[in-house]
Amino acid sequence: MESTKKTLYTADATAIGGRSGHVRSATGIIDLDMSVPEGLGGKKGATNPEELFAAGYSSCFQQALLVIAQRAGDKLDPQTEVKCSVSLFQEGEGYGLSAILDVDLKAFDREKTIDMVRQAHKICPYSVGTKGNMEVELRVQGEAIPVAPEENAGVAEKGDAVTA
């Protein structure tokens, strides 16, 4: 059986010096000093991998919501917000990440917003990529919505991933 997987884009970045070093994307758009988070003894004025992950995830999830709205013939309020909090934790000898996505669609009722958030979670490349690898909590205007274990674990179904 022939695969339908098609690479649409590849981003390249290089890190030197780990968490206390520097990252630069191949395009040069990202060219940043890195540091351990300031709260953990790092320097001010530098970013960290968790902050970059949170920025990417929130942007990607917002795009997935736009796709879901468009498919339904809806439009998102221009002030729609997706906040992403990424936490670094230590468990035994290893480290891990967890995320909270907090969505405020502004223009839709809670039930419709929850439905749209669940649909976006199924197609967002970050959500698909983290599925089974990290805990992701979904919230609507600060209030957690139930996430079934299969929504955070296992492998994405064929057709779930879209370029969002």
Protein backbone atom coordinates (compact mmCIF):
# COMPACT_ATOMS: atom_id res chain seq x y z
CA MET A 1 0.00 0.00 0.00
CA GLU A 2 1.34 3.39 -1.00
CA SER A 3 1.73 6.07 1.66
CA THR A 4 -0.24 9.31 1.33
CA LYS A 5 2.19 11.18 3.55
CA LYS A 6 3.56 14.23 1.78
CA THR A 7 6.09 16.62 3.30
CA LEU A 8 4.77 20.16 2.89
CA TYR A 9 7.50 22.09 4.67
CA THR A 10 10.67 21.51 6.65
CA ALA A 11 12.10 24.05 9.08
CA ASP A 12 15.79 23.95 9.97
CA ALA A 13 17.45 25.46 13.02
CA THR A 14 20.81 24.99 14.69
CA ALA A 15 21.62 25.21 18.38
CA ILE A 16 25.06 25.82 19.84
CA GLY A 17 25.72 25.65 23.56
CA GLY A 18 22.49 23.99 24.73
CA ARG A 19 20.28 25.92 27.13
CA SER A 20 22.97 28.54 27.68
CA GLY A 21 23.79 28.95 24.02
CA HIS A 22 22.24 30.31 20.85
CA VAL A 23 19.68 29.16 18.27
CA ARG A 24 19.42 30.29 14.68
CA SER A 25 16.98 29.22 12.02
CA ALA A 26 18.20 28.58 8.48
CA THR A 27 16.17 31.60 7.37
CA GLY A 28 17.77 33.83 10.03
CA ILE A 29 14.34 34.92 11.29
CA ILE A 30 15.05 33.21 14.60
CA ASP A 31 18.43 34.29 15.93
CA LEU A 32 18.22 34.16 19.70
CA ASP A 33 20.30 33.72 22.82
CA MET A 34 19.10 30.82 24.94
CA SER A 35 19.16 30.41 28.68
CA VAL A 36 17.85 28.27 31.45
CA PRO A 37 14.58 29.98 32.49
CA GLU A 38 15.26 33.01 34.66
CA GLY A 39 13.31 31.44 37.54
CA LEU A 40 15.77 28.53 37.51
CA GLY A 41 18.86 30.74 37.62
CA GLY A 42 19.08 31.70 33.96
CA LYS A 43 19.84 35.11 32.54
CA LYS A 44 17.32 37.81 31.75
CA GLY A 45 16.71 38.73 28.11
CA ALA A 46 17.09 35.23 26.66
CA THR A 47 14.49 32.69 25.66
CA ASN A 48 14.29 28.97 26.36
CA PRO A 49 12.98 25.88 24.56
CA GLU A 50 9.74 25.80 26.57
CA GLU A 51 8.91 29.39 25.65
CA LEU A 52 9.56 28.70 21.96
CA PHE A 53 7.44 25.53 22.12
CA ALA A 54 4.57 27.45 23.77
CA ALA A 55 4.70 30.15 21.08
CA GLY A 56 4.68 27.58 18.29
CA TYR A 57 1.92 25.46 19.82
CA SER A 58 -0.40 28.41 20.49
CA SER A 59 0.06 29.74 16.95
CA CYS A 60 -0.45 26.31 15.38
CA PHE A 61 -3.54 25.58 17.49
CA GLN A 62 -5.02 28.97 16.56
CA GLN A 63 -4.59 28.05 12.89
CA ALA A 64 -6.28 24.69 13.49
CA LEU A 65 -9.24 26.57 15.01
CA LEU A 66 -9.36 28.78 11.93
CA VAL A 67 -9.48 25.67 9.72
CA ILE A 68 -12.26 24.12 11.84
CA ALA A 69 -14.28 27.36 11.73
CA GLN A 70 -13.82 27.68 7.97
CA ARG A 71 -14.93 24.06 7.40
CA ALA A 72 -18.13 24.83 9.35
CA GLY A 73 -18.74 28.07 7.45
CA ASP A 74 -17.94 30.14 10.55
CA LYS A 75 -15.52 32.98 11.16
CA LEU A 76 -13.44 33.47 14.29
CA ASP A 77 -13.51 36.78 16.11
CA PRO A 78 -10.24 38.63 15.30
CA GLN A 79 -9.58 38.88 19.06
CA THR A 80 -9.72 35.08 19.54
CA GLU A 81 -6.89 33.99 21.85
CA VAL A 82 -5.02 30.75 22.37
CA LYS A 83 -2.69 30.82 25.36
CA CYS A 84 -0.27 27.96 25.76
CA SER A 85 1.61 27.21 28.96
CA VAL A 86 4.41 24.67 28.67
CA SER A 87 5.80 23.22 31.89
CA LEU A 88 9.16 21.52 32.30
CA PHE A 89 9.17 18.88 35.01
CA GLN A 90 11.54 16.31 36.42
CA GLU A 91 10.42 12.76 37.04
CA GLY A 92 13.09 10.50 38.47
CA GLU A 93 16.22 10.91 36.35
CA GLY A 94 14.30 12.17 33.31
CA TYR A 95 12.64 15.40 32.29
CA GLY A 96 9.38 16.00 30.51
CA LEU A 97 6.95 18.58 29.27
CA SER A 98 3.25 19.17 29.74
CA ALA A 99 1.05 21.82 28.15
CA ILE A 100 -2.14 23.71 28.83
CA LEU A 101 -4.02 25.26 25.93
CA ASP A 102 -6.52 27.91 27.05
CA VAL A 103 -8.86 29.09 24.29
CA ASP A 104 -11.14 32.12 24.24
CA LEU A 105 -13.09 32.27 20.96
CA LYS A 106 -14.97 35.40 22.14
CA ALA A 107 -17.93 35.00 19.73
CA PHE A 108 -19.21 31.46 20.33
CA ASP A 109 -21.10 29.90 23.22
CA ARG A 110 -19.26 27.50 25.52
CA GLU A 111 -20.67 24.30 23.98
CA LYS A 112 -19.69 25.28 20.43
CA THR A 113 -16.27 26.49 21.63
CA ILE A 114 -15.62 23.16 23.38
CA ASP A 115 -16.58 21.27 20.23
CA MET A 116 -14.29 23.43 18.08
CA VAL A 117 -11.40 23.05 20.55
CA ARG A 118 -11.79 19.26 20.51
CA GLN A 119 -11.81 19.22 16.70
CA ALA A 120 -8.75 21.50 16.53
CA HIS A 121 -6.94 19.20 18.98
CA LYS A 122 -7.45 16.33 16.51
CA ILE A 123 -5.86 18.16 13.55
CA CYS A 124 -3.28 20.56 15.02
CA PRO A 125 0.19 19.25 14.06
CA TYR A 126 1.51 19.99 17.58
CA SER A 127 -1.39 18.11 19.18
CA VAL A 128 -0.93 15.20 16.78
CA GLY A 129 2.83 15.22 17.37
CA THR A 130 2.55 15.24 21.15
CA LYS A 131 -0.26 12.67 21.30
CA GLY A 132 0.89 9.83 23.51
CA ASN A 133 4.07 11.70 24.47
CA MET A 134 2.96 14.49 26.77
CA GLU A 135 -0.08 15.53 28.75
CA VAL A 136 -2.04 18.34 27.14
CA GLU A 137 -4.86 19.99 29.08
CA LEU A 138 -7.53 21.83 27.13
CA ARG A 139 -9.29 24.82 28.69
CA VAL A 140 -11.99 27.21 27.55
CA GLN A 141 -11.70 30.63 29.17
CA GLY A 142 -9.65 29.19 32.02
CA GLU A 143 -11.95 26.25 32.78
CA ALA A 144 -10.62 22.75 32.01
CA ILE A 145 -12.66 20.64 29.63
CA PRO A 146 -12.57 16.87 29.94
CA VAL A 147 -10.07 15.16 27.65
CA ALA A 148 -10.60 11.47 27.00
CA PRO A 149 -7.42 9.39 27.42
CA GLU A 150 -7.49 8.48 23.72
CA GLU A 151 -7.31 12.19 22.87
CA ASN A 152 -3.89 12.43 24.56
CA ALA A 153 -2.53 8.93 23.98
CA GLY A 154 -1.78 6.62 21.10
CA VAL A 155 -1.24 7.33 17.45
CA ALA A 156 -3.20 9.79 15.36
CA GLU A 157 -5.72 8.29 12.99
CA LYS A 158 -5.04 8.57 9.27
CA GLY A 159 -6.49 11.77 7.96
CA ASP A 160 -6.39 13.56 11.32
CA ALA A 161 -3.34 15.66 10.50
CA VAL A 162 -3.70 18.71 8.30
CA THR A 163 -1.43 21.61 7.64
CA ALA A 164 -2.89 24.11 9.98
